[in-house]
Amino acid sequence: MKQKFVIVSEYGLHARPATRLVNQAMGFQSEITLTAFNRTVNLKSIMGVMSLGIYNGEIVEIKAEGEDAKEAISGITDFMISEGLGQISK
């Protein structure tokens, strides 16, 4: 399962929202990755997420593999939208 997002947060994925996103991902058993700039990191790693330096307007892809992958993508999508971090991208 995967979903693309355009980052709409004015300051991108800076420390505070990135930490909340990582904590959201940790609630699932699936392996969850975040891809941006042709680099893929573990979404459950704050250092990995921060290393990407994702700013407003960037396109990112979140991918989940595992028994709760569908729930993970659904939960993370809801989180990204409700927190004003991203919108679904085509």
PDB file of N, CA and C in Angstrom:
ATOM      1  N   MET A   1       0.850  -1.176   0.000  1.00  0.00           N
ATOM      2  CA  MET A   1       0.000   0.000   0.000  1.00  0.00           C
ATOM      3  C   MET A   1       0.896   1.240   0.000  1.00  0.00           C
ATOM      4  N   LYS A   2       0.499   2.244  -0.773  1.00  0.00           N
ATOM      5  CA  LYS A   2       1.263   3.485  -0.764  1.00  0.00           C
ATOM      6  C   LYS A   2       0.361   4.659  -1.099  1.00  0.00           C
ATOM      7  N   GLN A   3       0.828   5.834  -0.697  1.00  0.00           N
ATOM      8  CA  GLN A   3       0.069   7.063  -0.945  1.00  0.00           C
ATOM      9  C   GLN A   3       1.048   8.206  -1.132  1.00  0.00           C
ATOM     10  N   LYS A   4       0.782   9.043  -2.115  1.00  0.00           N
ATOM     11  CA  LYS A   4       1.603  10.235  -2.340  1.00  0.00           C
ATOM     12  C   LYS A   4       0.901  11.448  -1.739  1.00  0.00           C
ATOM     13  N   PHE A   5       1.719  12.356  -1.212  1.00  0.00           N
ATOM     14  CA  PHE A   5       1.218  13.593  -0.614  1.00  0.00           C
ATOM     15  C   PHE A   5       2.034  14.771  -1.113  1.00  0.00           C
ATOM     16  N   VAL A   6       1.387  15.913  -1.207  1.00  0.00           N
ATOM     17  CA  VAL A   6       2.101  17.172  -1.390  1.00  0.00           C
ATOM     18  C   VAL A   6       2.101  17.838  -0.017  1.00  0.00           C
ATOM     19  N   ILE A   7       3.263  18.276   0.422  1.00  0.00           N
ATOM     20  CA  ILE A   7       3.387  18.896   1.740  1.00  0.00           C
ATOM     21  C   ILE A   7       2.826  20.317   1.659  1.00  0.00           C
ATOM     22  N   VAL A   8       1.838  20.596   2.505  1.00  0.00           N
ATOM     23  CA  VAL A   8       1.175  21.902   2.482  1.00  0.00           C
ATOM     24  C   VAL A   8       1.493  22.740   3.720  1.00  0.00           C
ATOM     25  N   SER A   9       2.115  22.144   4.708  1.00  0.00           N
ATOM     26  CA  SER A   9       2.493  22.890   5.901  1.00  0.00           C
ATOM     27  C   SER A   9       3.481  23.985   5.508  1.00  0.00           C
ATOM     28  N   GLU A  10       3.246  25.184   5.994  1.00  0.00           N
ATOM     29  CA  GLU A  10       4.079  26.330   5.633  1.00  0.00           C
ATOM     30  C   GLU A  10       5.563  26.083   5.863  1.00  0.00           C
ATOM     31  N   TYR A  11       5.889  25.359   6.934  1.00  0.00           N
ATOM     32  CA  TYR A  11       7.291  25.128   7.280  1.00  0.00           C
ATOM     33  C   TYR A  11       7.764  23.719   6.937  1.00  0.00           C
ATOM     34  N   GLY A  12       6.969  22.966   6.197  1.00  0.00           N
ATOM     35  CA  GLY A  12       7.358  21.619   5.813  1.00  0.00           C
ATOM     36  C   GLY A  12       7.294  20.663   6.996  1.00  0.00           C
ATOM     37  N   LEU A  13       8.068  19.600   6.920  1.00  0.00           N
ATOM     38  CA  LEU A  13       8.104  18.608   8.009  1.00  0.00           C
ATOM     39  C   LEU A  13       9.261  18.940   8.948  1.00  0.00           C
ATOM     40  N   HIS A  14       9.100  19.998   9.718  1.00  0.00           N
ATOM     41  CA  HIS A  14      10.129  20.362  10.692  1.00  0.00           C
ATOM     42  C   HIS A  14       9.973  19.490  11.932  1.00  0.00           C
ATOM     43  N   ALA A  15      10.772  19.709  12.945  1.00  0.00           N
ATOM     44  CA  ALA A  15      10.906  18.789  14.086  1.00  0.00           C
ATOM     45  C   ALA A  15       9.593  18.383  14.750  1.00  0.00           C
ATOM     46  N   ARG A  16       8.776  19.329  15.123  1.00  0.00           N
ATOM     47  CA  ARG A  16       7.563  18.984  15.881  1.00  0.00           C
ATOM     48  C   ARG A  16       6.583  18.131  15.071  1.00  0.00           C
ATOM     49  N   PRO A  17       6.179  18.550  13.859  1.00  0.00           N
ATOM     50  CA  PRO A  17       5.251  17.690  13.115  1.00  0.00           C
ATOM     51  C   PRO A  17       5.892  16.377  12.672  1.00  0.00           C
ATOM     52  N   ALA A  18       7.186  16.386  12.399  1.00  0.00           N
ATOM     53  CA  ALA A  18       7.865  15.149  12.020  1.00  0.00           C
ATOM     54  C   ALA A  18       7.838  14.154  13.178  1.00  0.00           C
ATOM     55  N   THR A  19       8.030  14.643  14.390  1.00  0.00           N
ATOM     56  CA  THR A  19       7.977  13.772  15.568  1.00  0.00           C
ATOM     57  C   THR A  19       6.584  13.178  15.732  1.00  0.00           C
ATOM     58  N   ARG A  20       5.564  13.981  15.538  1.00  0.00           N
ATOM     59  CA  ARG A  20       4.192  13.476  15.655  1.00  0.00           C
ATOM     60  C   ARG A  20       3.891  12.455  14.561  1.00  0.00           C
ATOM     61  N   LEU A  21       4.413  12.679  13.357  1.00  0.00           N
ATOM     62  CA  LEU A  21       4.220  11.735  12.255  1.00  0.00           C
ATOM     63  C   LEU A  21       4.922  10.410  12.554  1.00  0.00           C
ATOM     64  N   VAL A  22       6.140  10.476  13.056  1.00  0.00           N
ATOM     65  CA  VAL A  22       6.885   9.266  13.429  1.00  0.00           C
ATOM     66  C   VAL A  22       6.120   8.506  14.514  1.00  0.00           C
ATOM     67  N   ASN A  23       5.619   9.216  15.509  1.00  0.00           N
ATOM     68  CA  ASN A  23       4.849   8.569  16.584  1.00  0.00           C
ATOM     69  C   ASN A  23       3.595   7.903  16.030  1.00  0.00           C
ATOM     70  N   GLN A  24       2.955   8.521  15.066  1.00  0.00           N
ATOM     71  CA  GLN A  24       1.779   7.934  14.411  1.00  0.00           C
ATOM     72  C   GLN A  24       2.174   6.629  13.728  1.00  0.00           C
ATOM     73  N   ALA A  25       3.283   6.632  13.004  1.00  0.00           N
ATOM     74  CA  ALA A  25       3.752   5.439  12.288  1.00  0.00           C
ATOM     75  C   ALA A  25       4.105   4.309  13.249  1.00  0.00           C
ATOM     76  N   MET A  26       4.633   4.654  14.405  1.00  0.00           N
ATOM     77  CA  MET A  26       5.031   3.641  15.383  1.00  0.00           C
ATOM     78  C   MET A  26       3.841   2.847  15.924  1.00  0.00           C
ATOM     79  N   GLY A  27       2.643   3.361  15.746  1.00  0.00           N
ATOM     80  CA  GLY A  27       1.454   2.669  16.212  1.00  0.00           C
ATOM     81  C   GLY A  27       1.053   1.478  15.343  1.00  0.00           C
ATOM     82  N   PHE A  28       1.794   1.245  14.271  1.00  0.00           N
ATOM     83  CA  PHE A  28       1.472   0.153  13.351  1.00  0.00           C
ATOM     84  C   PHE A  28       2.623  -0.840  13.300  1.00  0.00           C
ATOM     85  N   GLN A  29       2.285  -2.101  13.039  1.00  0.00           N
ATOM     86  CA  GLN A  29       3.309  -3.149  12.958  1.00  0.00           C
ATOM     87  C   GLN A  29       4.015  -3.161  11.613  1.00  0.00           C
ATOM     88  N   SER A  30       3.363  -2.684  10.576  1.00  0.00           N
ATOM     89  CA  SER A  30       3.927  -2.714   9.227  1.00  0.00           C
ATOM     90  C   SER A  30       5.231  -1.933   9.141  1.00  0.00           C
ATOM     91  N   GLU A  31       6.033  -2.316   8.162  1.00  0.00           N
ATOM     92  CA  GLU A  31       7.218  -1.529   7.821  1.00  0.00           C
ATOM     93  C   GLU A  31       6.707  -0.350   7.006  1.00  0.00           C
ATOM     94  N   ILE A  32       7.036   0.862   7.427  1.00  0.00           N
ATOM     95  CA  ILE A  32       6.531   2.065   6.769  1.00  0.00           C
ATOM     96  C   ILE A  32       7.717   2.932   6.367  1.00  0.00           C
ATOM     97  N   THR A  33       7.733   3.319   5.089  1.00  0.00           N
ATOM     98  CA  THR A  33       8.828   4.141   4.587  1.00  0.00           C
ATOM     99  C   THR A  33       8.301   5.455   4.030  1.00  0.00           C
ATOM    100  N   LEU A  34       9.187   6.431   3.996  1.00  0.00           N
ATOM    101  CA  LEU A  34       8.908   7.748   3.440  1.00  0.00           C
ATOM    102  C   LEU A  34       9.942   8.001   2.359  1.00  0.00           C
ATOM    103  N   THR A  35       9.481   8.343   1.163  1.00  0.00           N
ATOM    104  CA  THR A  35      10.393   8.611   0.053  1.00  0.00           C
ATOM    105  C   THR A  35      10.217  10.052  -0.405  1.00  0.00           C
ATOM    106  N   ALA A  36      11.350  10.739  -0.540  1.00  0.00           N
ATOM    107  CA  ALA A  36      11.389  12.100  -1.087  1.00  0.00           C
ATOM    108  C   ALA A  36      12.780  12.302  -1.682  1.00  0.00           C
ATOM    109  N   PHE A  37      12.860  13.051  -2.751  1.00  0.00           N
ATOM    110  CA  PHE A  37      14.156  13.350  -3.386  1.00  0.00           C
ATOM    111  C   PHE A  37      14.904  12.076  -3.783  1.00  0.00           C
ATOM    112  N   ASN A  38      14.167  11.040  -4.188  1.00  0.00           N
ATOM    113  CA  ASN A  38      14.752   9.747  -4.567  1.00  0.00           C
ATOM    114  C   ASN A  38      15.509   9.081  -3.427  1.00  0.00           C
ATOM    115  N   ARG A  39      15.154   9.421  -2.200  1.00  0.00           N
ATOM    116  CA  ARG A  39      15.739   8.779  -1.015  1.00  0.00           C
ATOM    117  C   ARG A  39      14.600   8.219  -0.178  1.00  0.00           C
ATOM    118  N   THR A  40      14.816   7.028   0.369  1.00  0.00           N
ATOM    119  CA  THR A  40      13.797   6.374   1.180  1.00  0.00           C
ATOM    120  C   THR A  40      14.333   6.160   2.584  1.00  0.00           C
ATOM    121  N   VAL A  41      13.512   6.525   3.574  1.00  0.00           N
ATOM    122  CA  VAL A  41      13.895   6.349   4.981  1.00  0.00           C
ATOM    123  C   VAL A  41      12.759   5.640   5.719  1.00  0.00           C
ATOM    124  N   ASN A  42      13.089   5.079   6.850  1.00  0.00           N
ATOM    125  CA  ASN A  42      12.113   4.451   7.728  1.00  0.00           C
ATOM    126  C   ASN A  42      11.287   5.560   8.376  1.00  0.00           C
ATOM    127  N   LEU A  43       9.966   5.505   8.211  1.00  0.00           N
ATOM    128  CA  LEU A  43       9.110   6.551   8.781  1.00  0.00           C
ATOM    129  C   LEU A  43       9.050   6.472  10.303  1.00  0.00           C
ATOM    130  N   LYS A  44       9.548   5.392  10.872  1.00  0.00           N
ATOM    131  CA  LYS A  44       9.566   5.260  12.331  1.00  0.00           C
ATOM    132  C   LYS A  44      10.872   5.800  12.926  1.00  0.00           C
ATOM    133  N   SER A  45      11.693   6.440  12.099  1.00  0.00           N
ATOM    134  CA  SER A  45      12.976   7.011  12.541  1.00  0.00           C
ATOM    135  C   SER A  45      12.943   8.533  12.390  1.00  0.00           C
ATOM    136  N   ILE A  46      12.942   9.248  13.498  1.00  0.00           N
ATOM    137  CA  ILE A  46      12.918  10.715  13.428  1.00  0.00           C
ATOM    138  C   ILE A  46      14.161  11.251  12.733  1.00  0.00           C
ATOM    139  N   MET A  47      15.298  10.631  12.969  1.00  0.00           N
ATOM    140  CA  MET A  47      16.528  11.093  12.314  1.00  0.00           C
ATOM    141  C   MET A  47      16.445  10.897  10.799  1.00  0.00           C
ATOM    142  N   GLY A  48      15.869   9.778  10.384  1.00  0.00           N
ATOM    143  CA  GLY A  48      15.699   9.528   8.954  1.00  0.00           C
ATOM    144  C   GLY A  48      14.793  10.557   8.309  1.00  0.00           C
ATOM    145  N   VAL A  49      13.660  10.821   8.940  1.00  0.00           N
ATOM    146  CA  VAL A  49      12.698  11.787   8.399  1.00  0.00           C
ATOM    147  C   VAL A  49      13.320  13.183   8.349  1.00  0.00           C
ATOM    148  N   MET A  50      13.969  13.586   9.421  1.00  0.00           N
ATOM    149  CA  MET A  50      14.574  14.914   9.466  1.00  0.00           C
ATOM    150  C   MET A  50      15.711  15.066   8.450  1.00  0.00           C
ATOM    151  N   SER A  51      16.398  13.964   8.159  1.00  0.00           N
ATOM    152  CA  SER A  51      17.528  14.025   7.224  1.00  0.00           C
ATOM    153  C   SER A  51      17.095  14.389   5.808  1.00  0.00           C
ATOM    154  N   LEU A  52      15.816  14.200   5.490  1.00  0.00           N
ATOM    155  CA  LEU A  52      15.330  14.509   4.145  1.00  0.00           C
ATOM    156  C   LEU A  52      15.129  16.005   3.917  1.00  0.00           C
ATOM    157  N   GLY A  53      14.899  16.772   4.970  1.00  0.00           N
ATOM    158  CA  GLY A  53      14.704  18.226   4.812  1.00  0.00           C
ATOM    159  C   GLY A  53      13.535  18.552   3.901  1.00  0.00           C
ATOM    160  N   ILE A  54      12.364  18.071   4.249  1.00  0.00           N
ATOM    161  CA  ILE A  54      11.179  18.228   3.397  1.00  0.00           C
ATOM    162  C   ILE A  54      10.494  19.569   3.675  1.00  0.00           C
ATOM    163  N   TYR A  55      10.358  20.361   2.608  1.00  0.00           N
ATOM    164  CA  TYR A  55       9.748  21.677   2.715  1.00  0.00           C
ATOM    165  C   TYR A  55       8.380  21.724   2.060  1.00  0.00           C
ATOM    166  N   ASN A  56       7.692  22.844   2.237  1.00  0.00           N
ATOM    167  CA  ASN A  56       6.387  23.092   1.628  1.00  0.00           C
ATOM    168  C   ASN A  56       6.467  22.885   0.120  1.00  0.00           C
ATOM    169  N   GLY A  57       5.452  22.203  -0.419  1.00  0.00           N
ATOM    170  CA  GLY A  57       5.360  21.994  -1.861  1.00  0.00           C
ATOM    171  C   GLY A  57       6.017  20.724  -2.364  1.00  0.00           C
ATOM    172  N   GLU A  58       6.772  20.058  -1.513  1.00  0.00           N
ATOM    173  CA  GLU A  58       7.449  18.820  -1.929  1.00  0.00           C
ATOM    174  C   GLU A  58       6.444  17.678  -2.028  1.00  0.00           C
ATOM    175  N   ILE A  59       6.711  16.738  -2.936  1.00  0.00           N
ATOM    176  CA  ILE A  59       5.902  15.522  -3.076  1.00  0.00           C
ATOM    177  C   ILE A  59       6.630  14.396  -2.350  1.00  0.00           C
ATOM    178  N   VAL A  60       5.922  13.697  -1.485  1.00  0.00           N
ATOM    179  CA  VAL A  60       6.491  12.563  -0.759  1.00  0.00           C
ATOM    180  C   VAL A  60       5.590  11.349  -0.968  1.00  0.00           C
ATOM    181  N   GLU A  61       6.179  10.174  -0.811  1.00  0.00           N
ATOM    182  CA  GLU A  61       5.401   8.939  -0.901  1.00  0.00           C
ATOM    183  C   GLU A  61       5.592   8.148   0.379  1.00  0.00           C
ATOM    184  N   ILE A  62       4.489   7.711   0.946  1.00  0.00           N
ATOM    185  CA  ILE A  62       4.528   6.865   2.132  1.00  0.00           C
ATOM    186  C   ILE A  62       4.051   5.482   1.709  1.00  0.00           C
ATOM    187  N   LYS A  63       4.852   4.474   2.067  1.00  0.00           N
ATOM    188  CA  LYS A  63       4.568   3.096   1.671  1.00  0.00           C
ATOM    189  C   LYS A  63       4.566   2.221   2.909  1.00  0.00           C
ATOM    190  N   ALA A  64       3.585   1.327   2.991  1.00  0.00           N
ATOM    191  CA  ALA A  64       3.490   0.410   4.125  1.00  0.00           C
ATOM    192  C   ALA A  64       3.413  -1.020   3.607  1.00  0.00           C
ATOM    193  N   GLU A  65       4.161  -1.907   4.266  1.00  0.00           N
ATOM    194  CA  GLU A  65       4.144  -3.328   3.933  1.00  0.00           C
ATOM    195  C   GLU A  65       4.001  -4.110   5.221  1.00  0.00           C
ATOM    196  N   GLY A  66       3.004  -4.974   5.272  1.00  0.00           N
ATOM    197  CA  GLY A  66       2.794  -5.787   6.455  1.00  0.00           C
ATOM    198  C   GLY A  66       1.327  -6.060   6.669  1.00  0.00           C
ATOM    199  N   GLU A  67       1.029  -6.747   7.775  1.00  0.00           N
ATOM    200  CA  GLU A  67      -0.345  -7.193   8.019  1.00  0.00           C
ATOM    201  C   GLU A  67      -1.345  -6.058   8.238  1.00  0.00           C
ATOM    202  N   ASP A  68      -0.883  -4.911   8.733  1.00  0.00           N
ATOM    203  CA  ASP A  68      -1.800  -3.785   8.940  1.00  0.00           C
ATOM    204  C   ASP A  68      -1.485  -2.609   8.005  1.00  0.00           C
ATOM    205  N   ALA A  69      -0.959  -2.924   6.818  1.00  0.00           N
ATOM    206  CA  ALA A  69      -0.545  -1.885   5.866  1.00  0.00           C
ATOM    207  C   ALA A  69      -1.702  -0.979   5.462  1.00  0.00           C
ATOM    208  N   LYS A  70      -2.869  -1.567   5.211  1.00  0.00           N
ATOM    209  CA  LYS A  70      -4.024  -0.761   4.799  1.00  0.00           C
ATOM    210  C   LYS A  70      -4.423   0.209   5.901  1.00  0.00           C
ATOM    211  N   GLU A  71      -4.465  -0.280   7.138  1.00  0.00           N
ATOM    212  CA  GLU A  71      -4.810   0.579   8.278  1.00  0.00           C
ATOM    213  C   GLU A  71      -3.738   1.644   8.492  1.00  0.00           C
ATOM    214  N   ALA A  72      -2.481   1.283   8.274  1.00  0.00           N
ATOM    215  CA  ALA A  72      -1.384   2.239   8.447  1.00  0.00           C
ATOM    216  C   ALA A  72      -1.509   3.393   7.455  1.00  0.00           C
ATOM    217  N   ILE A  73      -1.716   3.066   6.193  1.00  0.00           N
ATOM    218  CA  ILE A  73      -1.843   4.119   5.177  1.00  0.00           C
ATOM    219  C   ILE A  73      -3.074   4.980   5.451  1.00  0.00           C
ATOM    220  N   SER A  74      -4.169   4.349   5.834  1.00  0.00           N
ATOM    221  CA  SER A  74      -5.392   5.089   6.146  1.00  0.00           C
ATOM    222  C   SER A  74      -5.176   6.025   7.339  1.00  0.00           C
ATOM    223  N   GLY A  75      -4.576   5.512   8.401  1.00  0.00           N
ATOM    224  CA  GLY A  75      -4.326   6.314   9.595  1.00  0.00           C
ATOM    225  C   GLY A  75      -3.366   7.455   9.344  1.00  0.00           C
ATOM    226  N   ILE A  76      -2.296   7.180   8.591  1.00  0.00           N
ATOM    227  CA  ILE A  76      -1.309   8.225   8.292  1.00  0.00           C
ATOM    228  C   ILE A  76      -1.912   9.266   7.352  1.00  0.00           C
ATOM    229  N   THR A  77      -2.729   8.836   6.408  1.00  0.00           N
ATOM    230  CA  THR A  77      -3.397   9.786   5.512  1.00  0.00           C
ATOM    231  C   THR A  77      -4.309  10.709   6.310  1.00  0.00           C
ATOM    232  N   ASP A  78      -5.113  10.137   7.184  1.00  0.00           N
ATOM    233  CA  ASP A  78      -5.986  10.956   8.034  1.00  0.00           C
ATOM    234  C   ASP A  78      -5.169  11.937   8.865  1.00  0.00           C
ATOM    235  N   PHE A  79      -4.047  11.467   9.416  1.00  0.00           N
ATOM    236  CA  PHE A  79      -3.187  12.313  10.241  1.00  0.00           C
ATOM    237  C   PHE A  79      -2.607  13.465   9.416  1.00  0.00           C
ATOM    238  N   MET A  80      -2.061  13.150   8.242  1.00  0.00           N
ATOM    239  CA  MET A  80      -1.443  14.179   7.400  1.00  0.00           C
ATOM    240  C   MET A  80      -2.452  15.285   7.046  1.00  0.00           C
ATOM    241  N   ILE A  81      -3.681  14.876   6.731  1.00  0.00           N
ATOM    242  CA  ILE A  81      -4.701  15.844   6.337  1.00  0.00           C
ATOM    243  C   ILE A  81      -5.206  16.630   7.561  1.00  0.00           C
ATOM    244  N   SER A  82      -5.532  15.931   8.646  1.00  0.00           N
ATOM    245  CA  SER A  82      -6.095  16.616   9.808  1.00  0.00           C
ATOM    246  C   SER A  82      -5.098  17.552  10.484  1.00  0.00           C
ATOM    247  N   GLU A  83      -3.809  17.233  10.403  1.00  0.00           N
ATOM    248  CA  GLU A  83      -2.780  18.088  11.008  1.00  0.00           C
ATOM    249  C   GLU A  83      -2.313  19.201  10.069  1.00  0.00           C
ATOM    250  N   GLY A  84      -2.845  19.234   8.852  1.00  0.00           N
ATOM    251  CA  GLY A  84      -2.460  20.266   7.901  1.00  0.00           C
ATOM    252  C   GLY A  84      -1.051  20.097   7.359  1.00  0.00           C
ATOM    253  N   LEU A  85      -0.558  18.860   7.376  1.00  0.00           N
ATOM    254  CA  LEU A  85       0.802  18.606   6.881  1.00  0.00           C
ATOM    255  C   LEU A  85       0.839  18.348   5.385  1.00  0.00           C
ATOM    256  N   GLY A  86      -0.164  17.623   4.888  1.00  0.00           N
ATOM    257  CA  GLY A  86      -0.148  17.266   3.475  1.00  0.00           C
ATOM    258  C   GLY A  86      -1.527  17.002   2.931  1.00  0.00           C
ATOM    259  N   GLN A  87      -1.592  17.003   1.618  1.00  0.00           N
ATOM    260  CA  GLN A  87      -2.808  16.648   0.906  1.00  0.00           C
ATOM    261  C   GLN A  87      -2.465  15.523  -0.050  1.00  0.00           C
ATOM    262  N   ILE A  88      -3.453  14.696  -0.352  1.00  0.00           N
ATOM    263  CA  ILE A  88      -3.227  13.589  -1.278  1.00  0.00           C
ATOM    264  C   ILE A  88      -2.829  14.152  -2.648  1.00  0.00           C
ATOM    265  N   SER A  89      -1.775  13.556  -3.201  1.00  0.00           N
ATOM    266  CA  SER A  89      -1.269  13.963  -4.519  1.00  0.00           C
ATOM    267  C   SER A  89      -1.555  12.838  -5.510  1.00  0.00           C
ATOM    268  N   LYS A  90      -1.756  13.185  -6.746  1.00  0.00           N
ATOM    269  CA  LYS A  90      -2.023  12.174  -7.778  1.00  0.00           C
ATOM    270  C   LYS A  90      -0.769  11.705  -8.421  1.00  0.00           C
TER     271      LYS A  90
END
